Amino acid sequence: MVLKFELDKDLERRFRESAMRKYGYIKGSLKKASEDAIKDWLKDDEELPRVKDPIKLIEGIMSHLRGKYTSVELQHEAKKLWIK
């Protein structure tokens, strides 16, 4: 499978240098480094707790704000909480 994406120039340079140091200056070193990076990221993601119903979670967290804000203000507050 092929994935295409753009990286910041400095990040790309650092990634290439690191991949070459670890896997050598051979064909396929970027592929191996990319696969390792994605596997590490997925492993970290699996350790995060799963939420069955995020809407109910947010409603519970924001219940003390009911009646104090407009619906738009509540949406902004919900976004801030979700990012945390």
N, C-alpha and C. Protein backbone atom coordinates (compact mmCIF):
# COMPACT_ATOMS: atom_id res chain seq x y z
N MET A 1 0.85 -1.18 0.00
CA MET A 1 0.00 0.00 0.00
C MET A 1 0.89 1.24 0.00
N VAL A 2 0.41 2.29 -0.60
CA VAL A 2 1.17 3.53 -0.69
C VAL A 2 0.44 4.63 0.06
N LEU A 3 1.17 5.33 0.93
CA LEU A 3 0.66 6.51 1.61
C LEU A 3 1.48 7.69 1.16
N LYS A 4 0.82 8.79 0.86
CA LYS A 4 1.53 9.99 0.47
C LYS A 4 1.12 11.12 1.40
N PHE A 5 2.10 11.84 1.93
CA PHE A 5 1.81 12.98 2.77
C PHE A 5 3.02 13.91 2.77
N GLU A 6 2.76 15.15 3.15
CA GLU A 6 3.82 16.15 3.20
C GLU A 6 4.27 16.35 4.64
N LEU A 7 5.56 16.57 4.80
CA LEU A 7 6.14 16.86 6.10
C LEU A 7 6.83 18.22 6.06
N ASP A 8 6.95 18.81 7.21
CA ASP A 8 7.75 20.01 7.34
C ASP A 8 9.18 19.68 6.90
N LYS A 9 9.83 20.60 6.21
CA LYS A 9 11.17 20.33 5.67
C LYS A 9 12.16 19.88 6.73
N ASP A 10 12.16 20.54 7.87
CA ASP A 10 13.10 20.18 8.94
C ASP A 10 12.79 18.80 9.49
N LEU A 11 11.51 18.49 9.67
CA LEU A 11 11.10 17.18 10.17
C LEU A 11 11.50 16.09 9.18
N GLU A 12 11.28 16.36 7.91
CA GLU A 12 11.65 15.38 6.88
C GLU A 12 13.15 15.13 6.89
N ARG A 13 13.93 16.17 6.96
CA ARG A 13 15.39 16.03 6.98
C ARG A 13 15.85 15.21 8.18
N ARG A 14 15.30 15.53 9.34
CA ARG A 14 15.67 14.80 10.56
C ARG A 14 15.26 13.33 10.47
N PHE A 15 14.06 13.07 9.91
CA PHE A 15 13.59 11.70 9.76
C PHE A 15 14.49 10.91 8.82
N ARG A 16 14.84 11.52 7.69
CA ARG A 16 15.72 10.84 6.73
C ARG A 16 17.08 10.54 7.35
N GLU A 17 17.64 11.50 8.05
CA GLU A 17 18.95 11.30 8.68
C GLU A 17 18.88 10.16 9.70
N SER A 18 17.84 10.16 10.50
CA SER A 18 17.69 9.13 11.52
C SER A 18 17.49 7.75 10.89
N ALA A 19 16.68 7.69 9.85
CA ALA A 19 16.44 6.42 9.16
C ALA A 19 17.73 5.88 8.55
N MET A 20 18.51 6.75 7.95
CA MET A 20 19.76 6.31 7.33
C MET A 20 20.77 5.84 8.39
N ARG A 21 20.83 6.54 9.51
CA ARG A 21 21.75 6.12 10.57
C ARG A 21 21.36 4.75 11.12
N LYS A 22 20.05 4.53 11.28
CA LYS A 22 19.59 3.28 11.89
C LYS A 22 19.65 2.10 10.91
N TYR A 23 19.20 2.32 9.67
CA TYR A 23 19.07 1.21 8.72
C TYR A 23 20.12 1.23 7.61
N GLY A 24 20.95 2.24 7.60
CA GLY A 24 21.99 2.32 6.58
C GLY A 24 21.53 3.08 5.35
N TYR A 25 22.46 3.39 4.52
CA TYR A 25 22.20 4.16 3.30
C TYR A 25 21.86 3.21 2.17
N ILE A 26 20.76 2.48 2.34
CA ILE A 26 20.34 1.50 1.35
C ILE A 26 18.89 1.74 0.97
N LYS A 27 18.49 1.14 -0.15
CA LYS A 27 17.11 1.25 -0.59
C LYS A 27 16.22 0.56 0.45
N GLY A 28 15.13 1.19 0.81
CA GLY A 28 14.18 0.61 1.74
C GLY A 28 14.32 1.09 3.18
N SER A 29 15.36 1.88 3.45
CA SER A 29 15.55 2.33 4.83
C SER A 29 14.43 3.28 5.27
N LEU A 30 13.96 4.14 4.37
CA LEU A 30 12.86 5.04 4.72
C LEU A 30 11.57 4.25 4.97
N LYS A 31 11.36 3.20 4.18
CA LYS A 31 10.17 2.37 4.37
C LYS A 31 10.21 1.70 5.73
N LYS A 32 11.34 1.12 6.10
CA LYS A 32 11.46 0.46 7.39
C LYS A 32 11.25 1.44 8.53
N ALA A 33 11.87 2.62 8.42
CA ALA A 33 11.73 3.63 9.47
C ALA A 33 10.29 4.11 9.57
N SER A 34 9.62 4.28 8.44
CA SER A 34 8.21 4.71 8.45
C SER A 34 7.33 3.66 9.11
N GLU A 35 7.55 2.40 8.77
CA GLU A 35 6.76 1.33 9.38
C GLU A 35 6.98 1.28 10.89
N ASP A 36 8.23 1.42 11.32
CA ASP A 36 8.52 1.43 12.76
C ASP A 36 7.82 2.59 13.45
N ALA A 37 7.86 3.77 12.83
CA ALA A 37 7.23 4.95 13.43
C ALA A 37 5.73 4.77 13.54
N ILE A 38 5.11 4.21 12.52
CA ILE A 38 3.66 4.00 12.55
C ILE A 38 3.30 2.94 13.58
N LYS A 39 4.08 1.87 13.66
CA LYS A 39 3.82 0.82 14.66
C LYS A 39 3.92 1.39 16.08
N ASP A 40 4.94 2.22 16.31
CA ASP A 40 5.10 2.85 17.64
C ASP A 40 3.91 3.74 17.95
N TRP A 41 3.47 4.51 16.97
CA TRP A 41 2.35 5.42 17.17
C TRP A 41 1.08 4.62 17.48
N LEU A 42 0.85 3.53 16.76
CA LEU A 42 -0.33 2.71 17.00
C LEU A 42 -0.27 2.04 18.37
N LYS A 43 0.92 1.62 18.78
CA LYS A 43 1.07 1.01 20.10
C LYS A 43 0.72 2.02 21.19
N ASP A 44 1.19 3.26 21.04
CA ASP A 44 0.86 4.31 22.00
C ASP A 44 -0.64 4.59 22.00
N ASP A 45 -1.26 4.58 20.81
CA ASP A 45 -2.68 4.86 20.69
C ASP A 45 -3.51 3.78 21.36
N GLU A 46 -3.06 2.52 21.30
CA GLU A 46 -3.80 1.42 21.91
C GLU A 46 -3.83 1.53 23.43
N GLU A 47 -2.87 2.22 24.01
CA GLU A 47 -2.81 2.37 25.46
C GLU A 47 -3.77 3.42 25.99
N LEU A 48 -4.34 4.24 25.11
CA LEU A 48 -5.29 5.26 25.54
C LEU A 48 -6.62 4.60 25.92
N PRO A 49 -7.28 5.11 26.94
CA PRO A 49 -8.57 4.53 27.31
C PRO A 49 -9.62 4.76 26.22
N ARG A 50 -10.48 3.81 26.02
CA ARG A 50 -11.54 3.91 25.02
C ARG A 50 -12.82 4.40 25.68
N VAL A 51 -13.55 5.24 24.96
CA VAL A 51 -14.81 5.78 25.45
C VAL A 51 -15.92 5.25 24.55
N LYS A 52 -16.93 4.61 25.15
CA LYS A 52 -18.02 4.04 24.35
C LYS A 52 -18.91 5.12 23.76
N ASP A 53 -19.27 6.10 24.57
CA ASP A 53 -20.16 7.17 24.10
C ASP A 53 -19.57 8.52 24.48
N PRO A 54 -18.80 9.13 23.59
CA PRO A 54 -18.15 10.40 23.92
C PRO A 54 -19.13 11.54 24.18
N ILE A 55 -20.30 11.48 23.56
CA ILE A 55 -21.30 12.54 23.76
C ILE A 55 -21.77 12.55 25.22
N LYS A 56 -22.08 11.39 25.75
CA LYS A 56 -22.51 11.32 27.15
C LYS A 56 -21.40 11.74 28.10
N LEU A 57 -20.18 11.40 27.76
CA LEU A 57 -19.04 11.80 28.57
C LEU A 57 -18.94 13.33 28.62
N ILE A 58 -19.03 13.96 27.47
CA ILE A 58 -18.94 15.42 27.42
C ILE A 58 -20.14 16.06 28.13
N GLU A 59 -21.33 15.50 27.96
CA GLU A 59 -22.51 16.04 28.65
C GLU A 59 -22.31 15.99 30.16
N GLY A 60 -21.74 14.90 30.65
CA GLY A 60 -21.51 14.78 32.08
C GLY A 60 -20.47 15.77 32.58
N ILE A 61 -19.41 15.93 31.82
CA ILE A 61 -18.34 16.85 32.20
C ILE A 61 -18.85 18.29 32.21
N MET A 62 -19.77 18.59 31.30
CA MET A 62 -20.23 19.98 31.14
C MET A 62 -21.57 20.24 31.84
N SER A 63 -22.06 19.30 32.61
CA SER A 63 -23.38 19.46 33.22
C SER A 63 -23.47 20.70 34.12
N HIS A 64 -22.37 21.08 34.74
CA HIS A 64 -22.39 22.26 35.63
C HIS A 64 -22.54 23.57 34.84
N LEU A 65 -22.38 23.53 33.52
CA LEU A 65 -22.48 24.74 32.69
C LEU A 65 -23.88 24.93 32.11
N ARG A 66 -24.75 23.95 32.31
CA ARG A 66 -26.09 24.00 31.72
C ARG A 66 -26.82 25.27 32.14
N GLY A 67 -27.32 26.01 31.15
CA GLY A 67 -28.07 27.22 31.41
C GLY A 67 -27.23 28.48 31.56
N LYS A 68 -25.91 28.33 31.59
CA LYS A 68 -25.04 29.50 31.78
C LYS A 68 -24.49 30.03 30.46
N TYR A 69 -24.48 29.21 29.43
CA TYR A 69 -23.90 29.59 28.15
C TYR A 69 -24.87 29.33 27.02
N THR A 70 -24.64 29.99 25.88
CA THR A 70 -25.43 29.71 24.68
C THR A 70 -24.93 28.40 24.08
N SER A 71 -25.68 27.88 23.12
CA SER A 71 -25.30 26.61 22.51
C SER A 71 -23.95 26.71 21.80
N VAL A 72 -23.68 27.84 21.18
CA VAL A 72 -22.40 28.03 20.49
C VAL A 72 -21.25 28.07 21.49
N GLU A 73 -21.46 28.76 22.59
CA GLU A 73 -20.42 28.81 23.63
C GLU A 73 -20.17 27.42 24.22
N LEU A 74 -21.24 26.64 24.38
CA LEU A 74 -21.08 25.28 24.88
C LEU A 74 -20.29 24.42 23.89
N GLN A 75 -20.53 24.63 22.60
CA GLN A 75 -19.77 23.88 21.59
C GLN A 75 -18.28 24.19 21.69
N HIS A 76 -17.96 25.46 21.89
CA HIS A 76 -16.56 25.85 22.03
C HIS A 76 -15.94 25.24 23.28
N GLU A 77 -16.69 25.24 24.38
CA GLU A 77 -16.20 24.63 25.61
C GLU A 77 -16.00 23.12 25.43
N ALA A 78 -16.93 22.48 24.72
CA ALA A 78 -16.83 21.04 24.48
C ALA A 78 -15.58 20.74 23.65
N LYS A 79 -15.31 21.57 22.68
CA LYS A 79 -14.13 21.37 21.84
C LYS A 79 -12.85 21.45 22.68
N LYS A 80 -12.80 22.44 23.57
CA LYS A 80 -11.63 22.59 24.45
C LYS A 80 -11.45 21.37 25.32
N LEU A 81 -12.56 20.87 25.89
CA LEU A 81 -12.48 19.68 26.76
C LEU A 81 -12.06 18.45 25.97
N TRP A 82 -12.59 18.30 24.76
CA TRP A 82 -12.28 17.13 23.94
C TRP A 82 -10.79 17.10 23.58
N ILE A 83 -10.22 18.25 23.32
CA ILE A 83 -8.80 18.33 22.98
C ILE A 83 -7.94 17.90 24.16
N LYS A 84 -8.36 18.26 25.38
CA LYS A 84 -7.62 17.85 26.58
C LYS A 84 -7.63 16.36 26.69
